[in-house]
Amino acid sequence: PVWRDEIAALRCTERLVRIARQTRARIHVLHISTAEEIVFLEQHKDVATCEATPHHLTLTADDYARLGTLLQMNPP
């Protein structure tokens, strides 16, 4: 199941970068979960760094059939 899709994740990350620029702050985005966010943040290295968790890097939607709700995490 999808609760928040890639578009929602990217929009939130874009908003964070916009706020960082407006306030002249640097940000560190935790738990990146989409390729779209990584591509976006590569263009904004001057204000943002990021990290991903092991399960976001290694598990896929296909694993849900085997592991069920054990795979549910927030963000998606």
N, C-alpha and C. Protein backbone atom coordinates (compact mmCIF):
# COMPACT_ATOMS: atom_id res chain seq x y z
N PRO A 1 0.83 -1.20 0.00
CA PRO A 1 0.00 0.00 0.00
C PRO A 1 0.86 1.26 0.00
N VAL A 2 0.35 2.30 -0.61
CA VAL A 2 1.07 3.58 -0.66
C VAL A 2 0.29 4.61 0.15
N TRP A 3 0.93 5.16 1.17
CA TRP A 3 0.30 6.21 1.96
C TRP A 3 0.76 7.58 1.47
N ARG A 4 2.04 7.66 1.20
CA ARG A 4 2.61 8.90 0.66
C ARG A 4 3.49 8.50 -0.51
N ASP A 5 3.22 9.05 -1.66
CA ASP A 5 3.96 8.64 -2.85
C ASP A 5 5.22 9.50 -3.04
N GLU A 6 5.93 9.23 -4.12
CA GLU A 6 7.17 9.94 -4.41
C GLU A 6 6.94 11.44 -4.59
N ILE A 7 5.81 11.79 -5.14
CA ILE A 7 5.50 13.22 -5.35
C ILE A 7 5.38 13.94 -4.02
N ALA A 8 4.72 13.34 -3.05
CA ALA A 8 4.58 13.96 -1.73
C ALA A 8 5.94 14.12 -1.06
N ALA A 9 6.77 13.09 -1.15
CA ALA A 9 8.11 13.17 -0.54
C ALA A 9 8.93 14.28 -1.19
N LEU A 10 8.89 14.36 -2.51
CA LEU A 10 9.65 15.39 -3.22
C LEU A 10 9.14 16.78 -2.89
N ARG A 11 7.85 16.96 -2.84
CA ARG A 11 7.28 18.29 -2.52
C ARG A 11 7.72 18.76 -1.14
N CYS A 12 7.75 17.86 -0.18
CA CYS A 12 8.19 18.22 1.17
C CYS A 12 9.66 18.61 1.18
N THR A 13 10.47 17.87 0.46
CA THR A 13 11.90 18.17 0.38
C THR A 13 12.13 19.50 -0.33
N GLU A 14 11.39 19.75 -1.39
CA GLU A 14 11.49 21.05 -2.09
C GLU A 14 11.11 22.19 -1.15
N ARG A 15 10.09 21.98 -0.35
CA ARG A 15 9.65 23.01 0.60
C ARG A 15 10.75 23.28 1.63
N LEU A 16 11.38 22.23 2.14
CA LEU A 16 12.46 22.40 3.11
C LEU A 16 13.60 23.22 2.53
N VAL A 17 13.98 22.92 1.30
CA VAL A 17 15.07 23.66 0.66
C VAL A 17 14.67 25.12 0.45
N ARG A 18 13.45 25.35 0.04
CA ARG A 18 12.97 26.72 -0.15
C ARG A 18 13.04 27.50 1.17
N ILE A 19 12.61 26.89 2.26
CA ILE A 19 12.66 27.55 3.57
C ILE A 19 14.11 27.78 3.99
N ALA A 20 14.97 26.81 3.74
CA ALA A 20 16.39 26.96 4.08
C ALA A 20 16.98 28.15 3.35
N ARG A 21 16.66 28.29 2.09
CA ARG A 21 17.18 29.42 1.31
C ARG A 21 16.62 30.75 1.82
N GLN A 22 15.34 30.78 2.14
CA GLN A 22 14.72 32.01 2.63
C GLN A 22 15.32 32.46 3.96
N THR A 23 15.70 31.50 4.79
CA THR A 23 16.22 31.81 6.12
C THR A 23 17.74 31.76 6.18
N ARG A 24 18.37 31.47 5.03
CA ARG A 24 19.83 31.35 4.94
C ARG A 24 20.36 30.31 5.93
N ALA A 25 19.66 29.21 6.01
CA ALA A 25 20.06 28.12 6.90
C ALA A 25 20.53 26.93 6.07
N ARG A 26 21.28 26.06 6.70
CA ARG A 26 21.64 24.78 6.09
C ARG A 26 20.76 23.72 6.73
N ILE A 27 20.42 22.69 5.95
CA ILE A 27 19.56 21.63 6.47
C ILE A 27 20.18 20.26 6.20
N HIS A 28 19.78 19.29 7.00
CA HIS A 28 20.16 17.89 6.80
C HIS A 28 18.85 17.11 6.77
N VAL A 29 18.54 16.50 5.63
CA VAL A 29 17.28 15.78 5.46
C VAL A 29 17.50 14.32 5.84
N LEU A 30 16.74 13.85 6.81
CA LEU A 30 16.87 12.48 7.30
C LEU A 30 15.97 11.53 6.52
N HIS A 31 16.43 10.31 6.36
CA HIS A 31 15.63 9.20 5.84
C HIS A 31 15.08 9.43 4.44
N ILE A 32 15.93 9.88 3.53
CA ILE A 32 15.52 10.02 2.13
C ILE A 32 15.02 8.67 1.65
N SER A 33 13.89 8.68 0.97
CA SER A 33 13.30 7.40 0.56
C SER A 33 12.98 7.31 -0.92
N THR A 34 13.31 8.34 -1.70
CA THR A 34 13.02 8.28 -3.13
C THR A 34 14.20 8.79 -3.96
N ALA A 35 14.32 8.24 -5.14
CA ALA A 35 15.36 8.69 -6.08
C ALA A 35 15.12 10.14 -6.48
N GLU A 36 13.86 10.52 -6.57
CA GLU A 36 13.53 11.90 -6.96
C GLU A 36 14.11 12.92 -5.98
N GLU A 37 14.06 12.60 -4.69
CA GLU A 37 14.62 13.50 -3.69
C GLU A 37 16.14 13.62 -3.83
N ILE A 38 16.79 12.50 -4.11
CA ILE A 38 18.25 12.51 -4.27
C ILE A 38 18.64 13.38 -5.46
N VAL A 39 17.96 13.20 -6.58
CA VAL A 39 18.25 14.01 -7.77
C VAL A 39 18.06 15.49 -7.46
N PHE A 40 16.98 15.83 -6.77
CA PHE A 40 16.71 17.22 -6.42
C PHE A 40 17.80 17.76 -5.49
N LEU A 41 18.14 17.01 -4.45
CA LEU A 41 19.11 17.50 -3.47
C LEU A 41 20.52 17.60 -4.04
N GLU A 42 20.83 16.82 -5.06
CA GLU A 42 22.14 16.96 -5.72
C GLU A 42 22.31 18.37 -6.29
N GLN A 43 21.22 18.99 -6.65
CA GLN A 43 21.25 20.34 -7.22
C GLN A 43 21.29 21.43 -6.14
N HIS A 44 21.18 21.03 -4.88
CA HIS A 44 21.11 22.00 -3.78
C HIS A 44 22.10 21.66 -2.67
N LYS A 45 23.26 21.16 -3.05
CA LYS A 45 24.28 20.78 -2.07
C LYS A 45 24.78 21.96 -1.26
N ASP A 46 24.59 23.15 -1.78
CA ASP A 46 25.06 24.33 -1.05
C ASP A 46 24.26 24.59 0.22
N VAL A 47 23.04 24.06 0.31
CA VAL A 47 22.23 24.27 1.52
C VAL A 47 21.76 22.98 2.18
N ALA A 48 21.93 21.83 1.50
CA ALA A 48 21.33 20.61 2.03
C ALA A 48 22.25 19.40 1.92
N THR A 49 22.21 18.59 2.97
CA THR A 49 22.80 17.26 2.94
C THR A 49 21.69 16.29 3.29
N CYS A 50 21.94 14.99 3.08
CA CYS A 50 20.88 14.02 3.36
C CYS A 50 21.46 12.67 3.72
N GLU A 51 20.59 11.79 4.18
CA GLU A 51 20.98 10.41 4.50
C GLU A 51 19.79 9.49 4.26
N ALA A 52 20.10 8.22 4.11
CA ALA A 52 19.07 7.19 3.93
C ALA A 52 19.31 6.07 4.93
N THR A 53 18.26 5.36 5.28
CA THR A 53 18.39 4.22 6.19
C THR A 53 18.63 2.95 5.38
N PRO A 54 19.23 1.93 5.99
CA PRO A 54 19.48 0.68 5.26
C PRO A 54 18.21 0.06 4.66
N HIS A 55 17.10 0.10 5.39
CA HIS A 55 15.89 -0.51 4.85
C HIS A 55 15.34 0.26 3.65
N HIS A 56 15.54 1.56 3.62
CA HIS A 56 15.12 2.31 2.44
C HIS A 56 16.00 1.99 1.23
N LEU A 57 17.24 1.60 1.48
CA LEU A 57 18.15 1.28 0.38
C LEU A 57 17.99 -0.15 -0.14
N THR A 58 17.53 -1.06 0.72
CA THR A 58 17.56 -2.48 0.33
C THR A 58 16.20 -3.12 0.11
N LEU A 59 15.15 -2.62 0.71
CA LEU A 59 13.83 -3.25 0.57
C LEU A 59 13.03 -2.57 -0.53
N THR A 60 12.15 -3.36 -1.17
CA THR A 60 11.30 -2.83 -2.24
C THR A 60 9.85 -3.19 -1.97
N ALA A 61 8.96 -2.66 -2.77
CA ALA A 61 7.54 -2.98 -2.64
C ALA A 61 7.30 -4.48 -2.82
N ASP A 62 8.14 -5.15 -3.62
CA ASP A 62 7.99 -6.59 -3.82
C ASP A 62 8.18 -7.38 -2.52
N ASP A 63 8.97 -6.85 -1.59
CA ASP A 63 9.19 -7.53 -0.32
C ASP A 63 7.95 -7.51 0.57
N TYR A 64 7.01 -6.64 0.27
CA TYR A 64 5.79 -6.52 1.09
C TYR A 64 4.98 -7.82 1.07
N ALA A 65 4.96 -8.51 -0.07
CA ALA A 65 4.20 -9.77 -0.16
C ALA A 65 4.73 -10.80 0.83
N ARG A 66 6.03 -10.78 1.07
CA ARG A 66 6.65 -11.75 1.97
C ARG A 66 6.62 -11.31 3.43
N LEU A 67 6.82 -10.03 3.68
CA LEU A 67 6.98 -9.55 5.05
C LEU A 67 5.77 -8.78 5.59
N GLY A 68 4.85 -8.43 4.72
CA GLY A 68 3.62 -7.76 5.15
C GLY A 68 3.87 -6.48 5.92
N THR A 69 3.13 -6.29 6.99
CA THR A 69 3.18 -5.03 7.74
C THR A 69 4.50 -4.79 8.45
N LEU A 70 5.37 -5.78 8.50
CA LEU A 70 6.70 -5.54 9.07
C LEU A 70 7.47 -4.50 8.25
N LEU A 71 7.07 -4.32 7.01
CA LEU A 71 7.74 -3.36 6.14
C LEU A 71 7.15 -1.97 6.19
N GLN A 72 6.07 -1.77 6.86
CA GLN A 72 5.45 -0.45 6.88
C GLN A 72 6.31 0.50 7.70
N MET A 73 6.65 1.62 7.07
CA MET A 73 7.47 2.62 7.75
C MET A 73 7.01 4.00 7.32
N ASN A 74 7.40 4.96 8.08
CA ASN A 74 7.01 6.32 7.81
C ASN A 74 8.25 7.19 7.87
N PRO A 75 8.72 7.84 6.82
CA PRO A 75 8.06 8.03 5.54
C PRO A 75 8.11 6.76 4.70
N PRO A 76 7.41 6.81 3.55
CA PRO A 76 7.32 5.61 2.70
C PRO A 76 8.68 5.15 2.21
